[in-house]
Amino acid sequence: MKAFVFPGQGSQFKGMGLDLYQNPDQKTQDGQSARQLFDQANDILGYDLTKIMFEGSDEELKQTIYTQPAVFLHGVVLALTTESFAPNMVAGHSLGELAALTAAGVLSFADGLKLASIRATAMQKACELAPSSMAAVLALPDDVIERICAEVTDEIVVPANYNCPGQVVISGSVTGIEKAGELLKAAGAKRVLPLAVGGAFHSPFMEPARTEFAQAVEAMTFSAPRCPVYQNVNAKATSDPQEIKANLIAQLTAPVRWTASVEQMVADGATEFIESGPGKVLQGLVKKISPSVAISGL
């Protein structure tokens, strides 16, 4: 069984999607070219996102308001214009969940892109309300990381991304990350690496963004997916539109349970994982989570 997975923020690079844009033969099942979808995206957003993707500086591409729609757009267009896109299940990492839902038919292309943009803007605004950050913790068991984060009671710091065995990202206040980092190193963490992000994603700092995003999600039409969707908040398969909505909203302040998601997909029969989007981040993570499955990118 084929599982298609979609990356999130951090996978972007200058020139992403340009090869798709320039390929007239890459078309959707209803005959739309990749170029038409990219041009539609610019019209929907009201600015030239493709110019930022193809020609923008690294700094510009790192801005959340551009990064999230760009990574979403690349992953969705790549999937929809690939003849072999016939998923038995889908999942996406953080922002990638929106791309997975759109590619699986839960959201229209226009609505999915609008939600990606609204999510990005809401999260960027939340980041500007208070100093916060994230850090990757390497080579320490999940339960040790959870215990140490809970011990930092005078600051906010929580596990945010369970990426693969031995790699968990923590999220919280700048001071909270520093305090937890020292404790984690003392507990045996190989490294605690600060991440170049705008703020504390998947933590209580994103509550204002969650509230704003929820209003947009509730106003959108969600359809039943063409295949089960494995969502970040609980790592379980669902096809129920209302449940998908609730999980998508909760995701902004809840951890991304990627390790458990991949393990559950394998348990449910996935034998091949295919990444749709920029970079190869998820291919690397899946390889560490389940070395026996086939892994590739579109």
C-alpha atoms as a PDB file:
ATOM      1  CA  MET A   1       0.000   0.000   0.000  1.00  0.00           C
ATOM      2  CA  LYS A   2       1.196   3.497  -0.861  1.00  0.00           C
ATOM      3  CA  ALA A   3       1.375   6.282   1.712  1.00  0.00           C
ATOM      4  CA  PHE A   4       1.922   9.793   0.370  1.00  0.00           C
ATOM      5  CA  VAL A   5       3.426  12.248   2.851  1.00  0.00           C
ATOM      6  CA  PHE A   6       3.762  16.026   2.647  1.00  0.00           C
ATOM      7  CA  PRO A   7       6.517  18.102   4.307  1.00  0.00           C
ATOM      8  CA  GLY A   8       6.116  21.240   6.375  1.00  0.00           C
ATOM      9  CA  GLN A   9       7.945  24.467   7.071  1.00  0.00           C
ATOM     10  CA  GLY A  10      11.724  24.152   6.827  1.00  0.00           C
ATOM     11  CA  SER A  11      11.774  22.176   3.566  1.00  0.00           C
ATOM     12  CA  GLN A  12      11.679  25.264   1.353  1.00  0.00           C
ATOM     13  CA  PHE A  13      14.510  26.290  -0.986  1.00  0.00           C
ATOM     14  CA  LYS A  14      15.055  28.944  -3.636  1.00  0.00           C
ATOM     15  CA  GLY A  15      13.787  27.741  -7.016  1.00  0.00           C
ATOM     16  CA  MET A  16      11.296  25.270  -5.553  1.00  0.00           C
ATOM     17  CA  GLY A  17       8.615  24.361  -8.089  1.00  0.00           C
ATOM     18  CA  LEU A  18      10.280  26.026 -11.069  1.00  0.00           C
ATOM     19  CA  ASP A  19      10.807  22.698 -12.848  1.00  0.00           C
ATOM     20  CA  LEU A  20       7.100  21.955 -12.460  1.00  0.00           C
ATOM     21  CA  TYR A  21       6.136  25.400 -13.753  1.00  0.00           C
ATOM     22  CA  GLN A  22       8.276  24.967 -16.852  1.00  0.00           C
ATOM     23  CA  ASN A  23       7.003  21.468 -17.707  1.00  0.00           C
ATOM     24  CA  PRO A  24       3.983  21.699 -20.048  1.00  0.00           C
ATOM     25  CA  ASP A  25       3.397  17.939 -19.887  1.00  0.00           C
ATOM     26  CA  GLN A  26       2.812  17.835 -16.122  1.00  0.00           C
ATOM     27  CA  LYS A  27      -0.983  18.001 -15.836  1.00  0.00           C
ATOM     28  CA  THR A  28      -3.766  17.082 -13.441  1.00  0.00           C
ATOM     29  CA  GLN A  29      -6.322  14.389 -14.247  1.00  0.00           C
ATOM     30  CA  ASP A  30      -8.727  17.080 -15.466  1.00  0.00           C
ATOM     31  CA  GLY A  31      -6.129  18.561 -17.804  1.00  0.00           C
ATOM     32  CA  GLN A  32      -4.834  21.542 -15.851  1.00  0.00           C
ATOM     33  CA  SER A  33      -1.113  22.177 -16.134  1.00  0.00           C
ATOM     34  CA  ALA A  34       1.155  22.848 -13.182  1.00  0.00           C
ATOM     35  CA  ARG A  35       1.683  26.349 -14.586  1.00  0.00           C
ATOM     36  CA  GLN A  36      -2.060  26.998 -14.510  1.00  0.00           C
ATOM     37  CA  LEU A  37      -2.243  25.921 -10.860  1.00  0.00           C
ATOM     38  CA  PHE A  38       0.700  28.136  -9.907  1.00  0.00           C
ATOM     39  CA  ASP A  39      -0.856  31.091 -11.718  1.00  0.00           C
ATOM     40  CA  GLN A  40      -4.208  30.409 -10.026  1.00  0.00           C
ATOM     41  CA  ALA A  41      -2.426  30.452  -6.674  1.00  0.00           C
ATOM     42  CA  ASN A  42      -1.047  33.936  -7.354  1.00  0.00           C
ATOM     43  CA  ASP A  43      -4.553  35.137  -8.222  1.00  0.00           C
ATOM     44  CA  ILE A  44      -6.074  33.548  -5.092  1.00  0.00           C
ATOM     45  CA  LEU A  45      -3.440  35.039  -2.786  1.00  0.00           C
ATOM     46  CA  GLY A  46      -3.337  38.440  -4.454  1.00  0.00           C
ATOM     47  CA  TYR A  47       0.461  38.515  -4.729  1.00  0.00           C
ATOM     48  CA  ASP A  48       3.177  36.794  -6.776  1.00  0.00           C
ATOM     49  CA  LEU A  49       4.057  33.820  -4.584  1.00  0.00           C
ATOM     50  CA  THR A  50       5.698  31.995  -7.480  1.00  0.00           C
ATOM     51  CA  LYS A  51       8.197  34.845  -7.942  1.00  0.00           C
ATOM     52  CA  ILE A  52       9.179  34.483  -4.277  1.00  0.00           C
ATOM     53  CA  MET A  53       9.485  30.701  -4.734  1.00  0.00           C
ATOM     54  CA  PHE A  54      11.484  30.875  -7.961  1.00  0.00           C
ATOM     55  CA  GLU A  55      13.579  34.010  -7.404  1.00  0.00           C
ATOM     56  CA  GLY A  56      13.217  35.084  -3.756  1.00  0.00           C
ATOM     57  CA  SER A  57      16.070  35.282  -1.300  1.00  0.00           C
ATOM     58  CA  ASP A  58      16.554  32.692   1.404  1.00  0.00           C
ATOM     59  CA  GLU A  59      15.525  35.286   3.980  1.00  0.00           C
ATOM     60  CA  GLU A  60      12.300  36.044   2.138  1.00  0.00           C
ATOM     61  CA  LEU A  61      11.472  32.356   1.800  1.00  0.00           C
ATOM     62  CA  LYS A  62      12.054  31.865   5.546  1.00  0.00           C
ATOM     63  CA  GLN A  63       9.264  34.286   6.432  1.00  0.00           C
ATOM     64  CA  THR A  64       6.360  32.198   7.716  1.00  0.00           C
ATOM     65  CA  ILE A  65       3.765  34.173   5.735  1.00  0.00           C
ATOM     66  CA  TYR A  66       5.478  33.054   2.503  1.00  0.00           C
ATOM     67  CA  THR A  67       7.018  29.749   3.566  1.00  0.00           C
ATOM     68  CA  GLN A  68       3.806  27.981   4.462  1.00  0.00           C
ATOM     69  CA  PRO A  69       1.808  28.805   1.287  1.00  0.00           C
ATOM     70  CA  ALA A  70       4.910  28.044  -0.810  1.00  0.00           C
ATOM     71  CA  VAL A  71       5.554  24.607   0.703  1.00  0.00           C
ATOM     72  CA  PHE A  72       1.824  23.826   0.553  1.00  0.00           C
ATOM     73  CA  LEU A  73       1.610  24.862  -3.103  1.00  0.00           C
ATOM     74  CA  HIS A  74       4.646  22.869  -4.172  1.00  0.00           C
ATOM     75  CA  GLY A  75       3.450  19.683  -2.455  1.00  0.00           C
ATOM     76  CA  VAL A  76      -0.113  19.866  -3.772  1.00  0.00           C
ATOM     77  CA  VAL A  77       0.781  20.754  -7.365  1.00  0.00           C
ATOM     78  CA  LEU A  78       3.420  18.022  -7.462  1.00  0.00           C
ATOM     79  CA  ALA A  79       0.920  15.422  -6.248  1.00  0.00           C
ATOM     80  CA  LEU A  80      -2.010  16.486  -8.414  1.00  0.00           C
ATOM     81  CA  THR A  81       0.083  16.581 -11.610  1.00  0.00           C
ATOM     82  CA  THR A  82       1.717  13.171 -11.049  1.00  0.00           C
ATOM     83  CA  GLU A  83       0.048  10.313 -12.909  1.00  0.00           C
ATOM     84  CA  SER A  84       1.088   7.819 -10.240  1.00  0.00           C
ATOM     85  CA  PHE A  85      -0.669   9.738  -7.459  1.00  0.00           C
ATOM     86  CA  ALA A  86      -3.021   7.047  -6.186  1.00  0.00           C
ATOM     87  CA  PRO A  87      -2.692   7.069  -2.404  1.00  0.00           C
ATOM     88  CA  ASN A  88      -4.011   4.412  -0.059  1.00  0.00           C
ATOM     89  CA  MET A  89      -3.335   6.795   2.833  1.00  0.00           C
ATOM     90  CA  VAL A  90      -1.903  10.287   3.335  1.00  0.00           C
ATOM     91  CA  ALA A  91      -0.296  12.345   6.087  1.00  0.00           C
ATOM     92  CA  GLY A  92       1.512  15.647   6.366  1.00  0.00           C
ATOM     93  CA  HIS A  93       3.996  17.053   8.855  1.00  0.00           C
ATOM     94  CA  SER A  94       2.551  20.153  10.559  1.00  0.00           C
ATOM     95  CA  LEU A  95       1.681  22.516   7.675  1.00  0.00           C
ATOM     96  CA  GLY A  96       1.979  19.477   5.393  1.00  0.00           C
ATOM     97  CA  GLU A  97      -1.282  18.158   6.825  1.00  0.00           C
ATOM     98  CA  LEU A  98      -3.134  20.871   4.869  1.00  0.00           C
ATOM     99  CA  ALA A  99      -1.421  19.743   1.665  1.00  0.00           C
ATOM    100  CA  ALA A 100      -2.311  16.123   2.433  1.00  0.00           C
ATOM    101  CA  LEU A 101      -5.965  17.054   2.992  1.00  0.00           C
ATOM    102  CA  THR A 102      -6.102  19.029  -0.247  1.00  0.00           C
ATOM    103  CA  ALA A 103      -4.423  16.320  -2.312  1.00  0.00           C
ATOM    104  CA  ALA A 104      -6.834  13.770  -0.798  1.00  0.00           C
ATOM    105  CA  GLY A 105      -9.849  15.858  -1.847  1.00  0.00           C
ATOM    106  CA  VAL A 106     -10.957  17.052   1.600  1.00  0.00           C
ATOM    107  CA  LEU A 107     -10.392  20.674   0.544  1.00  0.00           C
ATOM    108  CA  SER A 108     -10.566  22.356  -2.831  1.00  0.00           C
ATOM    109  CA  PHE A 109      -7.286  23.721  -4.195  1.00  0.00           C
ATOM    110  CA  ALA A 110      -8.441  27.299  -3.556  1.00  0.00           C
ATOM    111  CA  ASP A 111      -9.683  26.631  -0.008  1.00  0.00           C
ATOM    112  CA  GLY A 112      -6.578  24.668   0.938  1.00  0.00           C
ATOM    113  CA  LEU A 113      -4.318  27.479  -0.260  1.00  0.00           C
ATOM    114  CA  LYS A 114      -6.416  30.114   1.546  1.00  0.00           C
ATOM    115  CA  LEU A 115      -6.175  28.146   4.778  1.00  0.00           C
ATOM    116  CA  ALA A 116      -2.400  27.762   4.359  1.00  0.00           C
ATOM    117  CA  SER A 117      -2.108  31.532   3.990  1.00  0.00           C
ATOM    118  CA  ILE A 118      -4.437  32.281   6.906  1.00  0.00           C
ATOM    119  CA  ARG A 119      -2.559  29.797   9.105  1.00  0.00           C
ATOM    120  CA  ALA A 120       0.773  31.358   8.189  1.00  0.00           C
ATOM    121  CA  THR A 121      -0.387  34.908   8.895  1.00  0.00           C
ATOM    122  CA  ALA A 122      -2.005  33.924  12.199  1.00  0.00           C
ATOM    123  CA  MET A 123       1.101  32.066  13.352  1.00  0.00           C
ATOM    124  CA  GLN A 124       3.416  34.913  12.383  1.00  0.00           C
ATOM    125  CA  LYS A 125       1.258  37.346  14.362  1.00  0.00           C
ATOM    126  CA  ALA A 126       1.334  35.006  17.361  1.00  0.00           C
ATOM    127  CA  CYS A 127       5.125  34.822  17.130  1.00  0.00           C
ATOM    128  CA  GLU A 128       5.328  38.609  17.377  1.00  0.00           C
ATOM    129  CA  LEU A 129       3.371  38.747  20.643  1.00  0.00           C
ATOM    130  CA  ALA A 130       6.151  37.291  22.830  1.00  0.00           C
ATOM    131  CA  PRO A 131       9.745  36.055  22.381  1.00  0.00           C
ATOM    132  CA  SER A 132       9.716  32.303  21.863  1.00  0.00           C
ATOM    133  CA  SER A 133      11.703  29.636  20.070  1.00  0.00           C
ATOM    134  CA  MET A 134      12.290  25.942  19.343  1.00  0.00           C
ATOM    135  CA  ALA A 135      15.201  23.508  19.640  1.00  0.00           C
ATOM    136  CA  ALA A 136      15.932  19.992  18.409  1.00  0.00           C
ATOM    137  CA  VAL A 137      16.913  17.452  21.064  1.00  0.00           C
ATOM    138  CA  LEU A 138      19.026  14.559  19.792  1.00  0.00           C
ATOM    139  CA  ALA A 139      19.558  11.078  21.209  1.00  0.00           C
ATOM    140  CA  LEU A 140      17.353  11.174  24.283  1.00  0.00           C
ATOM    141  CA  PRO A 141      14.235   9.041  24.968  1.00  0.00           C
ATOM    142  CA  ASP A 142      10.868  10.758  24.532  1.00  0.00           C
ATOM    143  CA  ASP A 143       9.799  10.143  28.121  1.00  0.00           C
ATOM    144  CA  VAL A 144      12.951  11.800  29.491  1.00  0.00           C
ATOM    145  CA  ILE A 145      12.328  14.880  27.333  1.00  0.00           C
ATOM    146  CA  GLU A 146       8.702  15.019  28.474  1.00  0.00           C
ATOM    147  CA  ARG A 147       9.707  14.731  32.138  1.00  0.00           C
ATOM    148  CA  ILE A 148      12.341  17.469  31.904  1.00  0.00           C
ATOM    149  CA  CYS A 149      10.017  19.860  30.063  1.00  0.00           C
ATOM    150  CA  ALA A 150       7.446  19.332  32.816  1.00  0.00           C
ATOM    151  CA  GLU A 151      10.073  20.120  35.444  1.00  0.00           C
ATOM    152  CA  VAL A 152      10.543  23.642  34.043  1.00  0.00           C
ATOM    153  CA  THR A 153       7.542  25.098  35.857  1.00  0.00           C
ATOM    154  CA  ASP A 154       8.411  28.803  35.800  1.00  0.00           C
ATOM    155  CA  GLU A 155       8.534  28.980  31.980  1.00  0.00           C
ATOM    156  CA  ILE A 156       6.610  27.427  29.080  1.00  0.00           C
ATOM    157  CA  VAL A 157       8.451  24.614  27.312  1.00  0.00           C
ATOM    158  CA  VAL A 158       6.824  21.548  25.731  1.00  0.00           C
ATOM    159  CA  PRO A 159       7.644  18.736  23.276  1.00  0.00           C
ATOM    160  CA  ALA A 160       6.433  19.990  19.881  1.00  0.00           C
ATOM    161  CA  ASN A 161       7.572  17.547  17.182  1.00  0.00           C
ATOM    162  CA  TYR A 162       8.165  13.836  17.709  1.00  0.00           C
ATOM    163  CA  ASN A 163      10.061  13.515  14.421  1.00  0.00           C
ATOM    164  CA  CYS A 164      11.710  10.105  14.741  1.00  0.00           C
ATOM    165  CA  PRO A 165      13.356   7.998  17.438  1.00  0.00           C
ATOM    166  CA  GLY A 166      16.103  10.143  18.945  1.00  0.00           C
ATOM    167  CA  GLN A 167      14.872  13.426  17.491  1.00  0.00           C
ATOM    168  CA  VAL A 168      12.299  15.529  19.317  1.00  0.00           C
ATOM    169  CA  VAL A 169      11.809  19.278  18.920  1.00  0.00           C
ATOM    170  CA  ILE A 170      10.888  21.304  22.001  1.00  0.00           C
ATOM    171  CA  SER A 171       9.026  24.600  21.865  1.00  0.00           C
ATOM    172  CA  GLY A 172       8.506  27.449  24.318  1.00  0.00           C
ATOM    173  CA  SER A 173       9.790  30.710  25.739  1.00  0.00           C
ATOM    174  CA  VAL A 174      13.390  31.645  24.984  1.00  0.00           C
ATOM    175  CA  THR A 175      14.318  31.257  28.659  1.00  0.00           C
ATOM    176  CA  GLY A 176      12.338  28.016  28.900  1.00  0.00           C
ATOM    177  CA  ILE A 177      14.234  26.527  25.963  1.00  0.00           C
ATOM    178  CA  GLU A 178      17.554  27.557  27.549  1.00  0.00           C
ATOM    179  CA  LYS A 179      16.665  26.064  30.945  1.00  0.00           C
ATOM    180  CA  ALA A 180      15.343  22.832  29.467  1.00  0.00           C
ATOM    181  CA  GLY A 181      18.345  22.634  27.162  1.00  0.00           C
ATOM    182  CA  GLU A 182      20.792  22.603  30.073  1.00  0.00           C
ATOM    183  CA  LEU A 183      18.775  19.946  31.895  1.00  0.00           C
ATOM    184  CA  LEU A 184      18.486  17.829  28.746  1.00  0.00           C
ATOM    185  CA  LYS A 185      22.238  17.951  28.153  1.00  0.00           C
ATOM    186  CA  ALA A 186      22.834  16.959  31.765  1.00  0.00           C
ATOM    187  CA  ALA A 187      20.440  14.032  31.242  1.00  0.00           C
ATOM    188  CA  GLY A 188      22.498  12.777  28.310  1.00  0.00           C
ATOM    189  CA  ALA A 189      21.183  14.508  25.195  1.00  0.00           C
ATOM    190  CA  LYS A 190      23.797  14.316  22.445  1.00  0.00           C
ATOM    191  CA  ARG A 191      22.920  17.820  21.265  1.00  0.00           C
ATOM    192  CA  VAL A 192      20.286  20.512  21.783  1.00  0.00           C
ATOM    193  CA  LEU A 193      20.183  22.610  18.628  1.00  0.00           C
ATOM    194  CA  PRO A 194      18.351  25.966  18.519  1.00  0.00           C
ATOM    195  CA  LEU A 195      16.222  26.220  15.367  1.00  0.00           C
ATOM    196  CA  ALA A 196      16.004  29.277  13.121  1.00  0.00           C
ATOM    197  CA  VAL A 197      12.230  29.690  13.407  1.00  0.00           C
ATOM    198  CA  GLY A 198       9.993  32.666  14.091  1.00  0.00           C
ATOM    199  CA  GLY A 199       8.583  31.359  17.344  1.00  0.00           C
ATOM    200  CA  ALA A 200       7.248  28.494  19.438  1.00  0.00           C
ATOM    201  CA  PHE A 201       5.109  26.498  17.006  1.00  0.00           C
ATOM    202  CA  HIS A 202       2.913  23.689  18.417  1.00  0.00           C
ATOM    203  CA  SER A 203       2.947  25.196  21.903  1.00  0.00           C
ATOM    204  CA  PRO A 204       0.627  27.343  24.058  1.00  0.00           C
ATOM    205  CA  PHE A 205       2.207  30.398  22.414  1.00  0.00           C
ATOM    206  CA  MET A 206       0.147  29.563  19.318  1.00  0.00           C
ATOM    207  CA  GLU A 207      -3.223  29.847  21.095  1.00  0.00           C
ATOM    208  CA  PRO A 208      -4.061  33.226  19.433  1.00  0.00           C
ATOM    209  CA  ALA A 209      -3.284  31.653  16.051  1.00  0.00           C
ATOM    210  CA  ARG A 210      -5.381  28.583  16.851  1.00  0.00           C
ATOM    211  CA  THR A 211      -8.392  30.779  17.637  1.00  0.00           C
ATOM    212  CA  GLU A 212      -8.046  32.762  14.407  1.00  0.00           C
ATOM    213  CA  PHE A 213      -7.386  29.663  12.302  1.00  0.00           C
ATOM    214  CA  ALA A 214     -10.393  27.884  13.828  1.00  0.00           C
ATOM    215  CA  GLN A 215     -12.761  30.567  12.529  1.00  0.00           C
ATOM    216  CA  ALA A 216     -11.421  30.105   8.998  1.00  0.00           C
ATOM    217  CA  VAL A 217     -11.556  26.299   9.176  1.00  0.00           C
ATOM    218  CA  GLU A 218     -15.144  26.280  10.435  1.00  0.00           C
ATOM    219  CA  ALA A 219     -16.176  28.504   7.516  1.00  0.00           C
ATOM    220  CA  MET A 220     -14.731  26.096   4.916  1.00  0.00           C
ATOM    221  CA  THR A 221     -16.359  23.043   3.340  1.00  0.00           C
ATOM    222  CA  PHE A 222     -14.561  19.798   4.224  1.00  0.00           C
ATOM    223  CA  SER A 223     -15.413  16.682   2.184  1.00  0.00           C
ATOM    224  CA  ALA A 224     -14.697  13.029   2.909  1.00  0.00           C
ATOM    225  CA  PRO A 225     -11.165  12.140   1.727  1.00  0.00           C
ATOM    226  CA  ARG A 226     -10.423   9.716  -1.092  1.00  0.00           C
ATOM    227  CA  CYS A 227      -8.366   7.665   1.394  1.00  0.00           C
ATOM    228  CA  PRO A 228      -7.726   7.691   5.155  1.00  0.00           C
ATOM    229  CA  VAL A 229      -5.823  10.692   6.553  1.00  0.00           C
ATOM    230  CA  TYR A 230      -3.420  10.203   9.463  1.00  0.00           C
ATOM    231  CA  GLN A 231      -3.433  13.404  11.484  1.00  0.00           C
ATOM    232  CA  ASN A 232      -0.671  14.843  13.640  1.00  0.00           C
ATOM    233  CA  VAL A 233      -2.544  15.240  16.914  1.00  0.00           C
ATOM    234  CA  ASN A 234      -3.442  11.585  17.459  1.00  0.00           C
ATOM    235  CA  ALA A 235      -1.561   9.610  14.752  1.00  0.00           C
ATOM    236  CA  LYS A 236      -4.792   7.832  13.810  1.00  0.00           C
ATOM    237  CA  ALA A 237      -6.590   7.359  10.511  1.00  0.00           C
ATOM    238  CA  THR A 238      -9.805   9.258   9.929  1.00  0.00           C
ATOM    239  CA  SER A 239     -12.181   9.938   7.062  1.00  0.00           C
ATOM    240  CA  ASP A 240     -14.729  11.978   8.996  1.00  0.00           C
ATOM    241  CA  PRO A 241     -14.771  15.656   7.882  1.00  0.00           C
ATOM    242  CA  GLN A 242     -15.790  17.009  11.290  1.00  0.00           C
ATOM    243  CA  GLU A 243     -13.095  15.044  13.067  1.00  0.00           C
ATOM    244  CA  ILE A 244     -10.561  16.208  10.482  1.00  0.00           C
ATOM    245  CA  LYS A 245     -11.549  19.836  11.157  1.00  0.00           C
ATOM    246  CA  ALA A 246     -11.205  19.465  14.917  1.00  0.00           C
ATOM    247  CA  ASN A 247      -7.815  17.751  14.653  1.00  0.00           C
ATOM    248  CA  LEU A 248      -6.519  20.328  12.174  1.00  0.00           C
ATOM    249  CA  ILE A 249      -7.425  23.179  14.538  1.00  0.00           C
ATOM    250  CA  ALA A 250      -5.993  21.426  17.607  1.00  0.00           C
ATOM    251  CA  GLN A 251      -2.720  20.831  15.783  1.00  0.00           C
ATOM    252  CA  LEU A 252      -1.558  24.443  16.176  1.00  0.00           C
ATOM    253  CA  THR A 253      -1.024  24.088  19.922  1.00  0.00           C
ATOM    254  CA  ALA A 254      -0.528  20.293  20.087  1.00  0.00           C
ATOM    255  CA  PRO A 255       2.602  18.261  19.286  1.00  0.00           C
ATOM    256  CA  VAL A 256       3.197  16.711  15.873  1.00  0.00           C
ATOM    257  CA  ARG A 257       3.212  12.958  16.512  1.00  0.00           C
ATOM    258  CA  TRP A 258       5.092  12.020  13.353  1.00  0.00           C
ATOM    259  CA  THR A 259       6.863   8.928  14.671  1.00  0.00           C
ATOM    260  CA  ALA A 260       3.575   7.428  15.861  1.00  0.00           C
ATOM    261  CA  SER A 261       1.838   8.411  12.601  1.00  0.00           C
ATOM    262  CA  VAL A 262       4.366   6.576  10.438  1.00  0.00           C
ATOM    263  CA  GLU A 263       4.347   3.565  12.770  1.00  0.00           C
ATOM    264  CA  GLN A 264       0.544   3.419  12.575  1.00  0.00           C
ATOM    265  CA  MET A 265       0.540   3.699   8.782  1.00  0.00           C
ATOM    266  CA  VAL A 266       3.007   0.809   8.575  1.00  0.00           C
ATOM    267  CA  ALA A 267       0.876  -1.207  11.013  1.00  0.00           C
ATOM    268  CA  ASP A 268      -2.133  -0.521   8.779  1.00  0.00           C
ATOM    269  CA  GLY A 269      -0.355  -1.872   5.708  1.00  0.00           C
ATOM    270  CA  ALA A 270       1.822   0.873   4.234  1.00  0.00           C
ATOM    271  CA  THR A 271       4.774  -0.671   2.389  1.00  0.00           C
ATOM    272  CA  GLU A 272       5.850   2.360   0.346  1.00  0.00           C
ATOM    273  CA  PHE A 273       6.186   6.005   1.422  1.00  0.00           C
ATOM    274  CA  ILE A 274       6.343   8.743  -1.213  1.00  0.00           C
ATOM    275  CA  GLU A 275       7.150  12.344  -0.283  1.00  0.00           C
ATOM    276  CA  SER A 276       5.412  15.085  -2.252  1.00  0.00           C
ATOM    277  CA  GLY A 277       6.974  18.491  -1.804  1.00  0.00           C
ATOM    278  CA  PRO A 278      10.317  20.265  -1.576  1.00  0.00           C
ATOM    279  CA  GLY A 279      13.326  18.500  -0.096  1.00  0.00           C
ATOM    280  CA  LYS A 280      13.765  15.047   1.405  1.00  0.00           C
ATOM    281  CA  VAL A 281      13.215  15.692   5.112  1.00  0.00           C
ATOM    282  CA  LEU A 282      10.343  13.230   5.515  1.00  0.00           C
ATOM    283  CA  GLN A 283      12.132  10.543   3.534  1.00  0.00           C
ATOM    284  CA  GLY A 284      14.946  10.713   6.078  1.00  0.00           C
ATOM    285  CA  LEU A 285      12.573  10.587   9.034  1.00  0.00           C
ATOM    286  CA  VAL A 286      10.557   7.658   7.651  1.00  0.00           C
ATOM    287  CA  LYS A 287      13.791   5.739   7.030  1.00  0.00           C
ATOM    288  CA  LYS A 288      14.731   6.154  10.704  1.00  0.00           C
ATOM    289  CA  ILE A 289      11.235   5.223  11.931  1.00  0.00           C
ATOM    290  CA  SER A 290      10.668   2.207   9.681  1.00  0.00           C
ATOM    291  CA  PRO A 291      13.836   1.131   7.809  1.00  0.00           C
ATOM    292  CA  SER A 292      12.123  -1.788   6.064  1.00  0.00           C
ATOM    293  CA  VAL A 293       9.639   0.217   3.941  1.00  0.00           C
ATOM    294  CA  ALA A 294      10.326   1.591   0.457  1.00  0.00           C
ATOM    295  CA  ILE A 295      10.921   5.356   0.458  1.00  0.00           C
ATOM    296  CA  SER A 296      11.076   7.823  -2.435  1.00  0.00           C
ATOM    297  CA  GLY A 297      10.076  11.294  -3.554  1.00  0.00           C
ATOM    298  CA  LEU A 298       8.003  12.554  -6.467  1.00  0.00           C
END
